[in-house]
PDB file of N, CA and C in Angstrom:
ATOM      1  N   UNK A   1     -16.912  -5.210  11.382  1.00  0.00           N
ATOM      2  CA  UNK A   1     -15.571  -5.808  11.405  1.00  0.00           C
ATOM      3  C   UNK A   1     -14.904  -5.616  10.029  1.00  0.00           C
ATOM      4  N   UNK A   2     -15.590  -5.729   8.951  1.00  0.00           N
ATOM      5  CA  UNK A   2     -15.014  -5.591   7.675  1.00  0.00           C
ATOM      6  C   UNK A   2     -14.600  -4.117   7.396  1.00  0.00           C
ATOM      7  N   UNK A   3     -15.355  -3.197   7.914  1.00  0.00           N
ATOM      8  CA  UNK A   3     -15.009  -1.839   7.827  1.00  0.00           C
ATOM      9  C   UNK A   3     -13.696  -1.497   8.527  1.00  0.00           C
ATOM     10  N   UNK A   4     -13.552  -2.016   9.733  1.00  0.00           N
ATOM     11  CA  UNK A   4     -12.334  -1.870  10.507  1.00  0.00           C
ATOM     12  C   UNK A   4     -11.146  -2.399   9.790  1.00  0.00           C
ATOM     13  N   UNK A   5     -11.246  -3.574   9.228  1.00  0.00           N
ATOM     14  CA  UNK A   5     -10.168  -4.217   8.493  1.00  0.00           C
ATOM     15  C   UNK A   5      -9.769  -3.321   7.224  1.00  0.00           C
ATOM     16  N   UNK A   6     -10.754  -2.764   6.593  1.00  0.00           N
ATOM     17  CA  UNK A   6     -10.500  -1.974   5.428  1.00  0.00           C
ATOM     18  C   UNK A   6      -9.758  -0.702   5.853  1.00  0.00           C
ATOM     19  N   UNK A   7     -10.172  -0.092   6.989  1.00  0.00           N
ATOM     20  CA  UNK A   7      -9.575   1.160   7.448  1.00  0.00           C
ATOM     21  C   UNK A   7      -8.121   0.792   7.846  1.00  0.00           C
ATOM     22  N   UNK A   8      -7.877  -0.267   8.563  1.00  0.00           N
ATOM     23  CA  UNK A   8      -6.542  -0.636   8.967  1.00  0.00           C
ATOM     24  C   UNK A   8      -5.668  -0.871   7.708  1.00  0.00           C
ATOM     25  N   UNK A   9      -6.171  -1.548   6.686  1.00  0.00           N
ATOM     26  CA  UNK A   9      -5.449  -1.762   5.471  1.00  0.00           C
ATOM     27  C   UNK A   9      -5.110  -0.458   4.776  1.00  0.00           C
ATOM     28  N   UNK A  10      -6.059   0.506   4.749  1.00  0.00           N
ATOM     29  CA  UNK A  10      -5.792   1.797   4.146  1.00  0.00           C
ATOM     30  C   UNK A  10      -4.721   2.577   4.873  1.00  0.00           C
ATOM     31  N   UNK A  11      -4.718   2.458   6.225  1.00  0.00           N
ATOM     32  CA  UNK A  11      -3.730   3.136   7.055  1.00  0.00           C
ATOM     33  C   UNK A  11      -2.325   2.491   6.730  1.00  0.00           C
ATOM     34  N   UNK A  12      -2.316   1.240   6.678  1.00  0.00           N
ATOM     35  CA  UNK A  12      -1.028   0.559   6.400  1.00  0.00           C
ATOM     36  C   UNK A  12      -0.482   0.978   5.042  1.00  0.00           C
ATOM     37  N   UNK A  13      -1.363   0.999   4.059  1.00  0.00           N
ATOM     38  CA  UNK A  13      -0.951   1.470   2.686  1.00  0.00           C
ATOM     39  C   UNK A  13      -0.474   2.949   2.729  1.00  0.00           C
ATOM     40  N   UNK A  14      -1.207   3.772   3.403  1.00  0.00           N
ATOM     41  CA  UNK A  14      -0.825   5.147   3.464  1.00  0.00           C
ATOM     42  C   UNK A  14       0.491   5.343   4.192  1.00  0.00           C
ATOM     43  N   UNK A  15       0.739   4.612   5.179  1.00  0.00           N
ATOM     44  CA  UNK A  15       2.022   4.685   5.919  1.00  0.00           C
ATOM     45  C   UNK A  15       3.142   4.198   4.989  1.00  0.00           C
ATOM     46  N   UNK A  16       2.885   3.193   4.214  1.00  0.00           N
ATOM     47  CA  UNK A  16       3.927   2.626   3.329  1.00  0.00           C
ATOM     48  C   UNK A  16       4.300   3.633   2.177  1.00  0.00           C
ATOM     49  N   UNK A  17       3.253   4.326   1.689  1.00  0.00           N
ATOM     50  CA  UNK A  17       3.414   5.315   0.675  1.00  0.00           C
ATOM     51  C   UNK A  17       4.134   6.569   1.167  1.00  0.00           C
ATOM     52  N   UNK A  18       3.800   6.929   2.439  1.00  0.00           N
ATOM     53  CA  UNK A  18       4.372   8.171   3.011  1.00  0.00           C
ATOM     54  C   UNK A  18       5.660   7.913   3.793  1.00  0.00           C
ATOM     55  N   UNK A  19       6.168   6.752   3.806  1.00  0.00           N
ATOM     56  CA  UNK A  19       7.305   6.416   4.636  1.00  0.00           C
ATOM     57  C   UNK A  19       8.565   7.230   4.233  1.00  0.00           C
ATOM     58  N   UNK A  20       8.867   7.529   3.039  1.00  0.00           N
ATOM     59  CA  UNK A  20      10.036   8.368   2.769  1.00  0.00           C
ATOM     60  C   UNK A  20       9.988   9.730   3.428  1.00  0.00           C
ATOM     61  N   UNK A  21       8.738  10.318   3.500  1.00  0.00           N
ATOM     62  CA  UNK A  21       8.588  11.608   4.098  1.00  0.00           C
ATOM     63  C   UNK A  21       8.506  11.483   5.643  1.00  0.00           C
ATOM     64  N   UNK A  22       7.927  10.382   6.108  1.00  0.00           N
ATOM     65  CA  UNK A  22       7.815  10.217   7.580  1.00  0.00           C
ATOM     66  C   UNK A  22       9.221   9.960   8.116  1.00  0.00           C
ATOM     67  N   UNK A  23      10.115   9.348   7.370  1.00  0.00           N
ATOM     68  CA  UNK A  23      11.432   9.056   7.967  1.00  0.00           C
ATOM     69  C   UNK A  23      12.276  10.368   8.059  1.00  0.00           C
ATOM     70  N   UNK A  24      11.937  11.343   7.228  1.00  0.00           N
ATOM     71  CA  UNK A  24      12.598  12.669   7.239  1.00  0.00           C
ATOM     72  C   UNK A  24      12.306  13.458   8.567  1.00  0.00           C
ATOM     73  N   UNK A  25      11.115  13.252   9.116  1.00  0.00           N
ATOM     74  CA  UNK A  25      10.692  13.951  10.331  1.00  0.00           C
ATOM     75  C   UNK A  25      11.206  13.189  11.556  1.00  0.00           C
ATOM     76  N   UNK A  26      11.865  12.049  11.403  1.00  0.00           N
ATOM     77  CA  UNK A  26      12.351  11.333  12.552  1.00  0.00           C
ATOM     78  C   UNK A  26      11.582  10.108  13.013  1.00  0.00           C
ATOM     79  N   UNK A  27      10.450   9.777  12.361  1.00  0.00           N
ATOM     80  CA  UNK A  27       9.712   8.542  12.659  1.00  0.00           C
ATOM     81  C   UNK A  27      10.612   7.381  12.370  1.00  0.00           C
ATOM     82  N   UNK A  28      10.975   6.573  13.286  1.00  0.00           N
ATOM     83  CA  UNK A  28      11.836   5.463  13.109  1.00  0.00           C
ATOM     84  C   UNK A  28      13.167   5.677  13.891  1.00  0.00           C
ATOM     85  N   UNK A  29      13.409   6.903  14.354  1.00  0.00           N
ATOM     86  CA  UNK A  29      14.567   7.157  15.138  1.00  0.00           C
ATOM     87  C   UNK A  29      14.157   7.958  16.410  1.00  0.00           C
ATOM     88  N   UNK A  30      13.027   7.492  17.011  1.00  0.00           N
ATOM     89  CA  UNK A  30      12.574   8.174  18.243  1.00  0.00           C
ATOM     90  C   UNK A  30      13.371   7.734  19.458  1.00  0.00           C
ATOM     91  N   UNK A  31      13.333   8.513  20.537  1.00  0.00           N
ATOM     92  CA  UNK A  31      13.887   8.029  21.772  1.00  0.00           C
ATOM     93  C   UNK A  31      13.142   6.741  22.201  1.00  0.00           C
ATOM     94  N   UNK A  32      13.858   5.711  22.584  1.00  0.00           N
ATOM     95  CA  UNK A  32      13.276   4.456  22.928  1.00  0.00           C
ATOM     96  C   UNK A  32      13.491   3.399  21.836  1.00  0.00           C
ATOM     97  N   UNK A  33      13.905   3.850  20.605  1.00  0.00           N
ATOM     98  CA  UNK A  33      14.282   2.883  19.636  1.00  0.00           C
ATOM     99  C   UNK A  33      15.706   2.427  19.823  1.00  0.00           C
ATOM    100  N   UNK A  34      15.883   1.137  19.829  1.00  0.00           N
ATOM    101  CA  UNK A  34      17.175   0.517  20.126  1.00  0.00           C
ATOM    102  C   UNK A  34      17.897   0.187  18.814  1.00  0.00           C
ATOM    103  N   UNK A  35      19.038   0.647  18.637  1.00  0.00           N
ATOM    104  CA  UNK A  35      19.835   0.424  17.447  1.00  0.00           C
ATOM    105  C   UNK A  35      21.267  -0.122  17.894  1.00  0.00           C
ATOM    106  N   UNK A  36      21.573  -1.303  17.534  1.00  0.00           N
ATOM    107  CA  UNK A  36      22.906  -1.819  17.847  1.00  0.00           C
ATOM    108  C   UNK A  36      23.640  -2.113  16.505  1.00  0.00           C
ATOM    109  N   UNK A  37      24.746  -1.478  16.251  1.00  0.00           N
ATOM    110  CA  UNK A  37      25.409  -1.646  14.984  1.00  0.00           C
ATOM    111  C   UNK A  37      26.801  -2.271  15.319  1.00  0.00           C
ATOM    112  N   UNK A  38      27.136  -3.352  14.644  1.00  0.00           N
ATOM    113  CA  UNK A  38      28.400  -4.009  14.746  1.00  0.00           C
ATOM    114  C   UNK A  38      29.023  -4.166  13.303  1.00  0.00           C
ATOM    115  N   UNK A  39      30.115  -4.822  13.142  1.00  0.00           N
ATOM    116  CA  UNK A  39      30.731  -4.937  11.835  1.00  0.00           C
ATOM    117  C   UNK A  39      29.812  -5.501  10.815  1.00  0.00           C
ATOM    118  N   UNK A  40      29.313  -6.696  11.129  1.00  0.00           N
ATOM    119  CA  UNK A  40      28.480  -7.451  10.104  1.00  0.00           C
ATOM    120  C   UNK A  40      27.033  -7.637  10.609  1.00  0.00           C
ATOM    121  N   UNK A  41      26.657  -6.808  11.557  1.00  0.00           N
ATOM    122  CA  UNK A  41      25.374  -7.039  12.184  1.00  0.00           C
ATOM    123  C   UNK A  41      24.715  -5.692  12.586  1.00  0.00           C
ATOM    124  N   UNK A  42      23.413  -5.587  12.330  1.00  0.00           N
ATOM    125  CA  UNK A  42      22.684  -4.429  12.816  1.00  0.00           C
ATOM    126  C   UNK A  42      21.350  -4.919  13.414  1.00  0.00           C
ATOM    127  N   UNK A  43      21.144  -4.524  14.594  1.00  0.00           N
ATOM    128  CA  UNK A  43      19.872  -4.910  15.282  1.00  0.00           C
ATOM    129  C   UNK A  43      19.140  -3.630  15.538  1.00  0.00           C
ATOM    130  N   UNK A  44      17.845  -3.569  15.133  1.00  0.00           N
ATOM    131  CA  UNK A  44      16.973  -2.432  15.287  1.00  0.00           C
ATOM    132  C   UNK A  44      15.641  -2.848  15.893  1.00  0.00           C
ATOM    133  N   UNK A  45      15.339  -2.311  17.097  1.00  0.00           N
ATOM    134  CA  UNK A  45      14.120  -2.617  17.750  1.00  0.00           C
ATOM    135  C   UNK A  45      13.340  -1.242  17.961  1.00  0.00           C
ATOM    136  N   UNK A  46      12.329  -1.032  17.129  1.00  0.00           N
ATOM    137  CA  UNK A  46      11.631   0.247  17.192  1.00  0.00           C
ATOM    138  C   UNK A  46      10.608   0.308  18.250  1.00  0.00           C
ATOM    139  N   UNK A  47      11.036   0.321  19.491  1.00  0.00           N
ATOM    140  CA  UNK A  47      10.014   0.260  20.653  1.00  0.00           C
ATOM    141  C   UNK A  47       9.293   1.631  20.717  1.00  0.00           C
ATOM    142  N   UNK A  48      10.015   2.741  20.712  1.00  0.00           N
ATOM    143  CA  UNK A  48       9.331   4.018  20.767  1.00  0.00           C
ATOM    144  C   UNK A  48       8.387   4.289  19.676  1.00  0.00           C
ATOM    145  N   UNK A  49       8.779   3.924  18.442  1.00  0.00           N
ATOM    146  CA  UNK A  49       7.942   4.056  17.249  1.00  0.00           C
ATOM    147  C   UNK A  49       6.707   3.216  17.326  1.00  0.00           C
ATOM    148  N   UNK A  50       6.934   1.976  17.855  1.00  0.00           N
ATOM    149  CA  UNK A  50       5.805   1.015  17.952  1.00  0.00           C
ATOM    150  C   UNK A  50       4.805   1.547  18.932  1.00  0.00           C
ATOM    151  N   UNK A  51       5.260   2.150  20.028  1.00  0.00           N
ATOM    152  CA  UNK A  51       4.262   2.686  20.980  1.00  0.00           C
ATOM    153  C   UNK A  51       3.556   3.834  20.445  1.00  0.00           C
ATOM    154  N   UNK A  52       4.270   4.723  19.723  1.00  0.00           N
ATOM    155  CA  UNK A  52       3.627   5.902  19.065  1.00  0.00           C
ATOM    156  C   UNK A  52       2.596   5.476  18.030  1.00  0.00           C
ATOM    157  N   UNK A  53       2.911   4.500  17.255  1.00  0.00           N
ATOM    158  CA  UNK A  53       1.962   4.061  16.197  1.00  0.00           C
ATOM    159  C   UNK A  53       0.748   3.339  16.828  1.00  0.00           C
ATOM    160  N   UNK A  54       0.995   2.666  17.940  1.00  0.00           N
ATOM    161  CA  UNK A  54      -0.078   1.976  18.677  1.00  0.00           C
ATOM    162  C   UNK A  54      -1.041   3.009  19.232  1.00  0.00           C
ATOM    163  N   UNK A  55      -0.539   4.087  19.826  1.00  0.00           N
ATOM    164  CA  UNK A  55      -1.385   5.099  20.418  1.00  0.00           C
ATOM    165  C   UNK A  55      -2.211   5.799  19.327  1.00  0.00           C
ATOM    166  N   UNK A  56      -1.573   6.111  18.209  1.00  0.00           N
ATOM    167  CA  UNK A  56      -2.263   6.766  17.074  1.00  0.00           C
ATOM    168  C   UNK A  56      -3.350   5.888  16.533  1.00  0.00           C
ATOM    169  N   UNK A  57      -3.081   4.578  16.322  1.00  0.00           N
ATOM    170  CA  UNK A  57      -4.023   3.685  15.808  1.00  0.00           C
ATOM    171  C   UNK A  57      -5.190   3.458  16.743  1.00  0.00           C
ATOM    172  N   UNK A  58      -4.901   3.416  18.064  1.00  0.00           N
ATOM    173  CA  UNK A  58      -5.886   3.258  19.072  1.00  0.00           C
ATOM    174  C   UNK A  58      -6.890   4.446  19.038  1.00  0.00           C
ATOM    175  N   UNK A  59      -6.274   5.700  18.871  1.00  0.00           N
ATOM    176  CA  UNK A  59      -7.075   6.782  18.823  1.00  0.00           C
ATOM    177  C   UNK A  59      -7.986   6.810  17.581  1.00  0.00           C
ATOM    178  N   UNK A  60      -7.453   6.485  16.441  1.00  0.00           N
ATOM    179  CA  UNK A  60      -8.194   6.464  15.163  1.00  0.00           C
ATOM    180  C   UNK A  60      -9.289   5.433  15.286  1.00  0.00           C
ATOM    181  N   UNK A  61      -9.008   4.276  15.854  1.00  0.00           N
ATOM    182  CA  UNK A  61     -10.093   3.226  15.930  1.00  0.00           C
ATOM    183  C   UNK A  61     -11.156   3.631  16.922  1.00  0.00           C
ATOM    184  N   UNK A  62     -10.750   4.316  17.983  1.00  0.00           N
ATOM    185  CA  UNK A  62     -11.689   4.815  18.941  1.00  0.00           C
ATOM    186  C   UNK A  62     -12.622   5.852  18.241  1.00  0.00           C
ATOM    187  N   UNK A  63     -12.016   6.750  17.468  1.00  0.00           N
ATOM    188  CA  UNK A  63     -12.855   7.703  16.741  1.00  0.00           C
ATOM    189  C   UNK A  63     -13.828   7.014  15.726  1.00  0.00           C
ATOM    190  N   UNK A  64     -13.475   5.990  15.145  1.00  0.00           N
ATOM    191  CA  UNK A  64     -14.310   5.274  14.140  1.00  0.00           C
ATOM    192  C   UNK A  64     -15.375   4.543  14.805  1.00  0.00           C
ATOM    193  N   UNK A  65     -15.194   4.062  16.032  1.00  0.00           N
ATOM    194  CA  UNK A  65     -16.235   3.322  16.817  1.00  0.00           C
ATOM    195  C   UNK A  65     -17.174   4.228  17.526  1.00  0.00           C
ATOM    196  N   UNK A  66     -16.847   5.454  17.557  1.00  0.00           N
ATOM    197  CA  UNK A  66     -17.670   6.397  18.296  1.00  0.00           C
ATOM    198  C   UNK A  66     -18.947   6.828  17.625  1.00  0.00           C
TER     199      UNK A  66
END
């Protein structure tokens, strides 16, 4: 359990450090991400990005448990 938490933490840190480069390739503006912009209000629901990250993390954790 502790090994899994450490790996998840490292993945979160790596994603945070790499976010400027990841946003350049379109991560965060995928099809399925909902963006509503009004005068004084912006709503952003990253549904497509969340699904993609979930699939990638599930695959990584599956590989670690193998």
